[in-house]
Amino acid sequence: MAGEDVVAAHPNRLIYVNDPPNRELVLHPGLGSAVADADVTLVSGFNVIQDRALLVDRLATVAAALDGRAPGSFAYFEDAGYHVPALRGDVRDALAGRVDAWAMNEDELQAWIGRSVDLLDAADVAKALVDLRAAVPARTLVVHTKYWALAAGPGAGDLRAALRGGITMASTRYLHGDDFTVDDYAATGAREPGPLGARFAAEVEAVAGAAAGAVACEPAYALDVPRPTTIGLGDTFVGGFLAALAGR
């Protein structure tokens, strides 16, 4: 049987997952006190769990920990592709009202609203944000893509530096892999934003601001490298976002 070549339109990745520890997601008994002492809390990882009873138990523990957060602290939830899509509603119902930002990439955005989105069409993205708000009633929504990253909701403008931090960190890893330096990060941050993303960012802030409430959008950089790193860029965005947020 002849083989068949599959060519992606741009650098991407295919991930095969077999992760029993994450599927069980055993939580440390000191989680509640750790969250109570934290300025910033990152919540993620529920997408791999496939047993509803186990998921409900873990969510109850995390929800109780989030309820004990210190005033003024920030809770960030990073969404993911669910191995059992029907379970994502349990996660949303338990956590959407308890976090300050609910974040995702473009694939997860499209999964929540049930349709494809033209990432460079400001009107289409503005409509997608309205639909996403109906599906995920979190305080502030964050969406990060190859062209841009945005925050939509109360206080979105306060997250602009964090969006830029996430873009810069993910872009630096895309260019240099895991072995990058502070100087590499600074050099990436000195680049001009890509023209497609820059044009979109200006348009979507005007269009979506009227349709979906306050929106802050930061354009990504236009990057071209022979051997890019594509695995873990979403996680790297989160690290850059939270590092910038914690340093504000």
C-alpha atoms as a PDB file:
ATOM      1  CA  MET A   1       0.000   0.000   0.000  1.00  0.00           C
ATOM      2  CA  ALA A   2       1.466   3.337  -1.042  1.00  0.00           C
ATOM      3  CA  GLY A   3       2.152   5.934   1.620  1.00  0.00           C
ATOM      4  CA  GLU A   4       0.634   9.392   1.637  1.00  0.00           C
ATOM      5  CA  ASP A   5       2.308  12.662   2.530  1.00  0.00           C
ATOM      6  CA  VAL A   6       0.429  15.093   4.766  1.00  0.00           C
ATOM      7  CA  VAL A   7       1.738  18.662   4.629  1.00  0.00           C
ATOM      8  CA  ALA A   8       0.645  21.299   7.155  1.00  0.00           C
ATOM      9  CA  ALA A   9       0.008  24.860   6.009  1.00  0.00           C
ATOM     10  CA  HIS A  10       2.399  26.088   8.721  1.00  0.00           C
ATOM     11  CA  PRO A  11       4.588  24.537  11.446  1.00  0.00           C
ATOM     12  CA  ASN A  12       2.414  22.475  13.766  1.00  0.00           C
ATOM     13  CA  ARG A  13       2.508  19.358  15.922  1.00  0.00           C
ATOM     14  CA  LEU A  14       0.785  16.013  16.447  1.00  0.00           C
ATOM     15  CA  ILE A  15       0.690  14.807  20.058  1.00  0.00           C
ATOM     16  CA  TYR A  16       0.037  11.201  21.129  1.00  0.00           C
ATOM     17  CA  VAL A  17      -0.959  11.038  24.801  1.00  0.00           C
ATOM     18  CA  ASN A  18      -0.768   8.200  27.319  1.00  0.00           C
ATOM     19  CA  ASP A  19      -0.532   9.885  30.702  1.00  0.00           C
ATOM     20  CA  PRO A  20      -1.991   7.865  33.629  1.00  0.00           C
ATOM     21  CA  PRO A  21      -0.667  10.245  36.355  1.00  0.00           C
ATOM     22  CA  ASN A  22      -2.391  13.220  34.713  1.00  0.00           C
ATOM     23  CA  ARG A  23      -5.510  11.122  34.136  1.00  0.00           C
ATOM     24  CA  GLU A  24      -5.685  10.524  37.888  1.00  0.00           C
ATOM     25  CA  LEU A  25      -4.533  14.034  38.876  1.00  0.00           C
ATOM     26  CA  VAL A  26      -3.799  13.234  42.512  1.00  0.00           C
ATOM     27  CA  LEU A  27      -3.870  16.523  44.438  1.00  0.00           C
ATOM     28  CA  HIS A  28      -1.546  17.444  47.297  1.00  0.00           C
ATOM     29  CA  PRO A  29      -3.291  17.846  50.690  1.00  0.00           C
ATOM     30  CA  GLY A  30      -1.577  21.206  51.093  1.00  0.00           C
ATOM     31  CA  LEU A  31      -3.135  22.673  47.948  1.00  0.00           C
ATOM     32  CA  GLY A  32      -5.601  24.882  49.811  1.00  0.00           C
ATOM     33  CA  SER A  33      -2.985  26.566  51.973  1.00  0.00           C
ATOM     34  CA  ALA A  34      -0.645  26.998  48.981  1.00  0.00           C
ATOM     35  CA  VAL A  35      -3.369  28.770  47.012  1.00  0.00           C
ATOM     36  CA  ALA A  36      -4.266  30.922  50.013  1.00  0.00           C
ATOM     37  CA  ASP A  37      -0.664  32.170  50.134  1.00  0.00           C
ATOM     38  CA  ALA A  38      -0.258  32.665  46.371  1.00  0.00           C
ATOM     39  CA  ASP A  39      -0.422  35.942  44.461  1.00  0.00           C
ATOM     40  CA  VAL A  40      -1.053  34.047  41.205  1.00  0.00           C
ATOM     41  CA  THR A  41      -2.628  30.596  40.786  1.00  0.00           C
ATOM     42  CA  LEU A  42      -2.570  28.575  37.553  1.00  0.00           C
ATOM     43  CA  VAL A  43      -5.247  25.898  37.119  1.00  0.00           C
ATOM     44  CA  SER A  44      -5.146  23.336  34.302  1.00  0.00           C
ATOM     45  CA  GLY A  45      -4.923  19.622  33.505  1.00  0.00           C
ATOM     46  CA  PHE A  46      -8.487  18.374  33.804  1.00  0.00           C
ATOM     47  CA  ASN A  47      -8.819  17.607  30.100  1.00  0.00           C
ATOM     48  CA  VAL A  48      -7.114  14.200  30.365  1.00  0.00           C
ATOM     49  CA  ILE A  49      -9.428  12.822  33.093  1.00  0.00           C
ATOM     50  CA  GLN A  50     -11.934  10.381  31.589  1.00  0.00           C
ATOM     51  CA  ASP A  51     -13.953   9.306  34.645  1.00  0.00           C
ATOM     52  CA  ARG A  52     -16.691  11.778  35.624  1.00  0.00           C
ATOM     53  CA  ALA A  53     -16.797  10.810  39.303  1.00  0.00           C
ATOM     54  CA  LEU A  54     -13.041  11.299  39.618  1.00  0.00           C
ATOM     55  CA  LEU A  55     -13.260  14.616  37.770  1.00  0.00           C
ATOM     56  CA  VAL A  56     -16.042  15.888  40.043  1.00  0.00           C
ATOM     57  CA  ASP A  57     -13.976  14.971  43.100  1.00  0.00           C
ATOM     58  CA  ARG A  58     -10.876  16.785  41.836  1.00  0.00           C
ATOM     59  CA  LEU A  59     -12.889  19.820  40.796  1.00  0.00           C
ATOM     60  CA  ALA A  60     -14.467  20.074  44.245  1.00  0.00           C
ATOM     61  CA  THR A  61     -11.020  20.149  45.853  1.00  0.00           C
ATOM     62  CA  VAL A  62      -9.705  22.802  43.468  1.00  0.00           C
ATOM     63  CA  ALA A  63     -12.889  24.873  43.768  1.00  0.00           C
ATOM     64  CA  ALA A  64     -12.576  24.906  47.556  1.00  0.00           C
ATOM     65  CA  ALA A  65      -8.947  25.986  47.254  1.00  0.00           C
ATOM     66  CA  LEU A  66      -9.883  28.823  44.890  1.00  0.00           C
ATOM     67  CA  ASP A  67     -12.607  29.953  47.286  1.00  0.00           C
ATOM     68  CA  GLY A  68      -9.862  30.443  49.878  1.00  0.00           C
ATOM     69  CA  ARG A  69      -7.743  32.758  47.714  1.00  0.00           C
ATOM     70  CA  ALA A  70      -6.392  35.940  49.240  1.00  0.00           C
ATOM     71  CA  PRO A  71      -8.114  39.171  48.179  1.00  0.00           C
ATOM     72  CA  GLY A  72      -6.349  40.694  45.195  1.00  0.00           C
ATOM     73  CA  SER A  73      -4.756  37.440  44.046  1.00  0.00           C
ATOM     74  CA  PHE A  74      -5.173  36.287  40.448  1.00  0.00           C
ATOM     75  CA  ALA A  75      -6.429  32.888  39.259  1.00  0.00           C
ATOM     76  CA  TYR A  76      -5.775  31.836  35.648  1.00  0.00           C
ATOM     77  CA  PHE A  77      -7.321  28.783  33.990  1.00  0.00           C
ATOM     78  CA  GLU A  78      -5.719  27.348  30.837  1.00  0.00           C
ATOM     79  CA  ASP A  79      -8.141  25.248  28.804  1.00  0.00           C
ATOM     80  CA  ALA A  80      -7.150  22.282  26.628  1.00  0.00           C
ATOM     81  CA  GLY A  81      -8.542  19.670  24.244  1.00  0.00           C
ATOM     82  CA  TYR A  82     -10.692  17.270  26.267  1.00  0.00           C
ATOM     83  CA  HIS A  83     -10.227  13.548  25.758  1.00  0.00           C
ATOM     84  CA  VAL A  84     -13.924  13.201  26.648  1.00  0.00           C
ATOM     85  CA  PRO A  85     -15.502  16.392  25.246  1.00  0.00           C
ATOM     86  CA  ALA A  86     -18.714  15.925  27.249  1.00  0.00           C
ATOM     87  CA  LEU A  87     -16.753  16.494  30.490  1.00  0.00           C
ATOM     88  CA  ARG A  88     -15.649  20.025  29.668  1.00  0.00           C
ATOM     89  CA  GLY A  89     -19.015  21.325  30.868  1.00  0.00           C
ATOM     90  CA  ASP A  90     -18.294  19.961  34.351  1.00  0.00           C
ATOM     91  CA  VAL A  91     -15.011  21.873  34.412  1.00  0.00           C
ATOM     92  CA  ARG A  92     -16.658  25.086  33.225  1.00  0.00           C
ATOM     93  CA  ASP A  93     -19.500  24.839  35.740  1.00  0.00           C
ATOM     94  CA  ALA A  94     -17.112  24.298  38.636  1.00  0.00           C
ATOM     95  CA  LEU A  95     -14.453  26.869  37.789  1.00  0.00           C
ATOM     96  CA  ALA A  96     -15.636  29.614  35.396  1.00  0.00           C
ATOM     97  CA  GLY A  97     -17.005  31.716  38.234  1.00  0.00           C
ATOM     98  CA  ARG A  98     -13.913  31.216  40.391  1.00  0.00           C
ATOM     99  CA  VAL A  99     -11.090  32.382  38.104  1.00  0.00           C
ATOM    100  CA  ASP A 100     -10.107  35.819  36.876  1.00  0.00           C
ATOM    101  CA  ALA A 101      -9.104  34.661  33.387  1.00  0.00           C
ATOM    102  CA  TRP A 102     -10.183  31.631  31.341  1.00  0.00           C
ATOM    103  CA  ALA A 103      -7.680  31.116  28.519  1.00  0.00           C
ATOM    104  CA  MET A 104      -7.471  28.945  25.399  1.00  0.00           C
ATOM    105  CA  ASN A 105      -6.002  28.641  21.927  1.00  0.00           C
ATOM    106  CA  GLU A 106      -7.924  28.930  18.656  1.00  0.00           C
ATOM    107  CA  ASP A 107      -8.709  25.206  18.502  1.00  0.00           C
ATOM    108  CA  GLU A 108     -10.295  25.288  21.935  1.00  0.00           C
ATOM    109  CA  LEU A 109     -12.206  28.465  21.045  1.00  0.00           C
ATOM    110  CA  GLN A 110     -13.691  26.746  17.999  1.00  0.00           C
ATOM    111  CA  ALA A 111     -14.547  23.640  20.034  1.00  0.00           C
ATOM    112  CA  TRP A 112     -16.496  25.711  22.565  1.00  0.00           C
ATOM    113  CA  ILE A 113     -18.561  27.577  19.976  1.00  0.00           C
ATOM    114  CA  GLY A 114     -18.932  24.674  17.546  1.00  0.00           C
ATOM    115  CA  ARG A 115     -17.694  26.366  14.389  1.00  0.00           C
ATOM    116  CA  SER A 116     -14.556  27.501  12.608  1.00  0.00           C
ATOM    117  CA  VAL A 117     -13.351  31.088  12.981  1.00  0.00           C
ATOM    118  CA  ASP A 118     -11.362  33.229  10.548  1.00  0.00           C
ATOM    119  CA  LEU A 119      -8.590  34.427  12.845  1.00  0.00           C
ATOM    120  CA  LEU A 120      -7.876  37.497  10.718  1.00  0.00           C
ATOM    121  CA  ASP A 121     -11.491  38.624  10.307  1.00  0.00           C
ATOM    122  CA  ALA A 122     -12.265  41.058  13.126  1.00  0.00           C
ATOM    123  CA  ALA A 123     -16.037  40.765  12.721  1.00  0.00           C
ATOM    124  CA  ASP A 124     -15.901  36.973  12.804  1.00  0.00           C
ATOM    125  CA  VAL A 125     -13.694  36.960  15.901  1.00  0.00           C
ATOM    126  CA  ALA A 126     -15.942  39.536  17.592  1.00  0.00           C
ATOM    127  CA  LYS A 127     -18.943  37.250  16.991  1.00  0.00           C
ATOM    128  CA  ALA A 128     -16.929  34.295  18.260  1.00  0.00           C
ATOM    129  CA  LEU A 129     -16.188  36.171  21.489  1.00  0.00           C
ATOM    130  CA  VAL A 130     -19.886  36.829  22.022  1.00  0.00           C
ATOM    131  CA  ASP A 131     -20.620  33.144  21.439  1.00  0.00           C
ATOM    132  CA  LEU A 132     -17.749  32.121  23.706  1.00  0.00           C
ATOM    133  CA  ARG A 133     -19.010  34.370  26.471  1.00  0.00           C
ATOM    134  CA  ALA A 134     -22.363  32.572  26.292  1.00  0.00           C
ATOM    135  CA  ALA A 135     -20.612  29.188  26.505  1.00  0.00           C
ATOM    136  CA  VAL A 136     -18.009  30.106  29.149  1.00  0.00           C
ATOM    137  CA  PRO A 137     -19.217  32.834  31.531  1.00  0.00           C
ATOM    138  CA  ALA A 138     -15.837  33.630  33.054  1.00  0.00           C
ATOM    139  CA  ARG A 139     -14.898  37.168  34.129  1.00  0.00           C
ATOM    140  CA  THR A 140     -12.246  37.639  31.447  1.00  0.00           C
ATOM    141  CA  LEU A 141     -11.590  35.443  28.414  1.00  0.00           C
ATOM    142  CA  VAL A 142      -8.089  35.103  26.951  1.00  0.00           C
ATOM    143  CA  VAL A 143      -7.476  33.654  23.480  1.00  0.00           C
ATOM    144  CA  HIS A 144      -3.963  33.121  22.073  1.00  0.00           C
ATOM    145  CA  THR A 145      -3.213  32.264  18.431  1.00  0.00           C
ATOM    146  CA  LYS A 146      -0.298  32.378  15.959  1.00  0.00           C
ATOM    147  CA  TYR A 147      -1.376  35.861  14.837  1.00  0.00           C
ATOM    148  CA  TRP A 148      -2.419  37.559  18.076  1.00  0.00           C
ATOM    149  CA  ALA A 149      -3.481  37.188  21.706  1.00  0.00           C
ATOM    150  CA  LEU A 150      -6.410  39.008  23.268  1.00  0.00           C
ATOM    151  CA  ALA A 151      -8.282  39.485  26.506  1.00  0.00           C
ATOM    152  CA  ALA A 152     -12.009  40.235  26.563  1.00  0.00           C
ATOM    153  CA  GLY A 153     -13.919  41.307  29.646  1.00  0.00           C
ATOM    154  CA  PRO A 154     -13.604  43.623  32.654  1.00  0.00           C
ATOM    155  CA  GLY A 155     -10.052  44.780  33.166  1.00  0.00           C
ATOM    156  CA  ALA A 156      -8.897  43.495  29.769  1.00  0.00           C
ATOM    157  CA  GLY A 157      -6.678  46.544  29.327  1.00  0.00           C
ATOM    158  CA  ASP A 158      -4.827  45.697  32.542  1.00  0.00           C
ATOM    159  CA  LEU A 159      -3.687  42.428  30.923  1.00  0.00           C
ATOM    160  CA  ARG A 160      -2.057  44.000  27.871  1.00  0.00           C
ATOM    161  CA  ALA A 161       1.484  43.656  29.248  1.00  0.00           C
ATOM    162  CA  ALA A 162       0.756  40.052  30.246  1.00  0.00           C
ATOM    163  CA  LEU A 163      -0.454  39.279  26.709  1.00  0.00           C
ATOM    164  CA  ARG A 164       2.761  40.736  25.318  1.00  0.00           C
ATOM    165  CA  GLY A 165       4.775  38.713  27.820  1.00  0.00           C
ATOM    166  CA  GLY A 166       3.061  35.508  26.725  1.00  0.00           C
ATOM    167  CA  ILE A 167       3.594  36.251  23.037  1.00  0.00           C
ATOM    168  CA  THR A 168       7.269  37.106  23.564  1.00  0.00           C
ATOM    169  CA  MET A 169       8.008  34.007  25.631  1.00  0.00           C
ATOM    170  CA  ALA A 170       6.269  31.626  23.207  1.00  0.00           C
ATOM    171  CA  SER A 171       7.914  33.316  20.220  1.00  0.00           C
ATOM    172  CA  THR A 172      11.369  33.051  21.779  1.00  0.00           C
ATOM    173  CA  ARG A 173      10.903  29.331  22.354  1.00  0.00           C
ATOM    174  CA  TYR A 174       9.572  28.903  18.804  1.00  0.00           C
ATOM    175  CA  LEU A 175      12.785  30.479  17.494  1.00  0.00           C
ATOM    176  CA  HIS A 176      15.363  28.988  19.861  1.00  0.00           C
ATOM    177  CA  GLY A 177      13.825  25.875  21.440  1.00  0.00           C
ATOM    178  CA  ASP A 178      14.346  25.175  25.143  1.00  0.00           C
ATOM    179  CA  ASP A 179      17.892  26.561  25.211  1.00  0.00           C
ATOM    180  CA  PHE A 180      17.143  30.269  25.033  1.00  0.00           C
ATOM    181  CA  THR A 181      18.581  33.083  27.101  1.00  0.00           C
ATOM    182  CA  VAL A 182      17.406  36.338  28.630  1.00  0.00           C
ATOM    183  CA  ASP A 183      19.106  38.111  25.734  1.00  0.00           C
ATOM    184  CA  ASP A 184      17.179  35.954  23.246  1.00  0.00           C
ATOM    185  CA  TYR A 185      13.935  36.938  24.991  1.00  0.00           C
ATOM    186  CA  ALA A 186      14.876  40.634  24.854  1.00  0.00           C
ATOM    187  CA  ALA A 187      15.774  40.366  21.161  1.00  0.00           C
ATOM    188  CA  THR A 188      12.417  38.776  20.397  1.00  0.00           C
ATOM    189  CA  GLY A 189      10.617  41.512  22.283  1.00  0.00           C
ATOM    190  CA  ALA A 190      12.412  44.144  20.188  1.00  0.00           C
ATOM    191  CA  ARG A 191      10.937  42.772  16.945  1.00  0.00           C
ATOM    192  CA  GLU A 192       8.194  44.543  15.061  1.00  0.00           C
ATOM    193  CA  PRO A 193       4.785  42.806  15.226  1.00  0.00           C
ATOM    194  CA  GLY A 194       3.666  40.950  12.112  1.00  0.00           C
ATOM    195  CA  PRO A 195       1.612  43.161   9.755  1.00  0.00           C
ATOM    196  CA  LEU A 196      -1.370  40.777   9.608  1.00  0.00           C
ATOM    197  CA  GLY A 197      -1.636  40.595  13.376  1.00  0.00           C
ATOM    198  CA  ALA A 198      -1.064  44.327  13.830  1.00  0.00           C
ATOM    199  CA  ARG A 199      -3.852  45.214  11.419  1.00  0.00           C
ATOM    200  CA  PHE A 200      -6.197  42.689  13.001  1.00  0.00           C
ATOM    201  CA  ALA A 201      -5.459  43.907  16.553  1.00  0.00           C
ATOM    202  CA  ALA A 202      -6.490  47.454  15.716  1.00  0.00           C
ATOM    203  CA  GLU A 203      -9.623  46.295  13.914  1.00  0.00           C
ATOM    204  CA  VAL A 204     -10.795  43.826  16.550  1.00  0.00           C
ATOM    205  CA  GLU A 205     -10.425  46.289  19.408  1.00  0.00           C
ATOM    206  CA  ALA A 206     -12.776  48.638  17.576  1.00  0.00           C
ATOM    207  CA  VAL A 207     -15.230  45.984  16.375  1.00  0.00           C
ATOM    208  CA  ALA A 208     -15.256  43.623  19.350  1.00  0.00           C
ATOM    209  CA  GLY A 209     -15.196  46.445  21.873  1.00  0.00           C
ATOM    210  CA  ALA A 210     -18.703  47.357  20.790  1.00  0.00           C
ATOM    211  CA  ALA A 211     -19.942  43.776  20.436  1.00  0.00           C
ATOM    212  CA  ALA A 212     -18.225  41.886  23.255  1.00  0.00           C
ATOM    213  CA  GLY A 213     -17.195  44.524  25.797  1.00  0.00           C
ATOM    214  CA  ALA A 214     -13.664  45.658  26.644  1.00  0.00           C
ATOM    215  CA  VAL A 215     -11.059  43.974  24.443  1.00  0.00           C
ATOM    216  CA  ALA A 216      -7.259  44.282  24.453  1.00  0.00           C
ATOM    217  CA  CYS A 217      -5.424  42.591  21.580  1.00  0.00           C
ATOM    218  CA  GLU A 218      -1.667  42.302  21.060  1.00  0.00           C
ATOM    219  CA  PRO A 219      -0.290  41.194  17.673  1.00  0.00           C
ATOM    220  CA  ALA A 220       2.217  38.340  17.420  1.00  0.00           C
ATOM    221  CA  TYR A 221       5.557  38.540  15.639  1.00  0.00           C
ATOM    222  CA  ALA A 222       6.049  37.278  12.084  1.00  0.00           C
ATOM    223  CA  LEU A 223       8.590  34.476  12.574  1.00  0.00           C
ATOM    224  CA  ASP A 224      10.507  32.366  10.098  1.00  0.00           C
ATOM    225  CA  VAL A 225      13.114  29.830  11.204  1.00  0.00           C
ATOM    226  CA  PRO A 226      14.257  26.588   9.512  1.00  0.00           C
ATOM    227  CA  ARG A 227      13.584  24.313  12.509  1.00  0.00           C
ATOM    228  CA  PRO A 228      10.992  25.885  14.820  1.00  0.00           C
ATOM    229  CA  THR A 229       9.947  24.417  18.154  1.00  0.00           C
ATOM    230  CA  THR A 230       6.189  23.848  18.073  1.00  0.00           C
ATOM    231  CA  ILE A 231       5.584  21.550  21.051  1.00  0.00           C
ATOM    232  CA  GLY A 232       4.458  23.292  24.225  1.00  0.00           C
ATOM    233  CA  LEU A 233       4.048  26.800  22.853  1.00  0.00           C
ATOM    234  CA  GLY A 234       0.692  27.211  24.576  1.00  0.00           C
ATOM    235  CA  ASP A 235       2.258  26.306  27.918  1.00  0.00           C
ATOM    236  CA  THR A 236       5.115  28.682  27.166  1.00  0.00           C
ATOM    237  CA  PHE A 237       2.609  31.465  26.457  1.00  0.00           C
ATOM    238  CA  VAL A 238       1.046  30.827  29.871  1.00  0.00           C
ATOM    239  CA  GLY A 239       4.445  31.051  31.559  1.00  0.00           C
ATOM    240  CA  GLY A 240       5.249  34.329  29.844  1.00  0.00           C
ATOM    241  CA  PHE A 241       1.792  35.735  30.566  1.00  0.00           C
ATOM    242  CA  LEU A 242       1.922  34.904  34.287  1.00  0.00           C
ATOM    243  CA  ALA A 243       5.528  36.041  34.664  1.00  0.00           C
ATOM    244  CA  ALA A 244       4.640  39.426  33.191  1.00  0.00           C
ATOM    245  CA  LEU A 245       1.500  39.575  35.312  1.00  0.00           C
ATOM    246  CA  ALA A 246       3.374  38.809  38.518  1.00  0.00           C
ATOM    247  CA  GLY A 247       5.971  41.449  37.704  1.00  0.00           C
ATOM    248  CA  ARG A 248       3.538  44.292  36.991  1.00  0.00           C
END
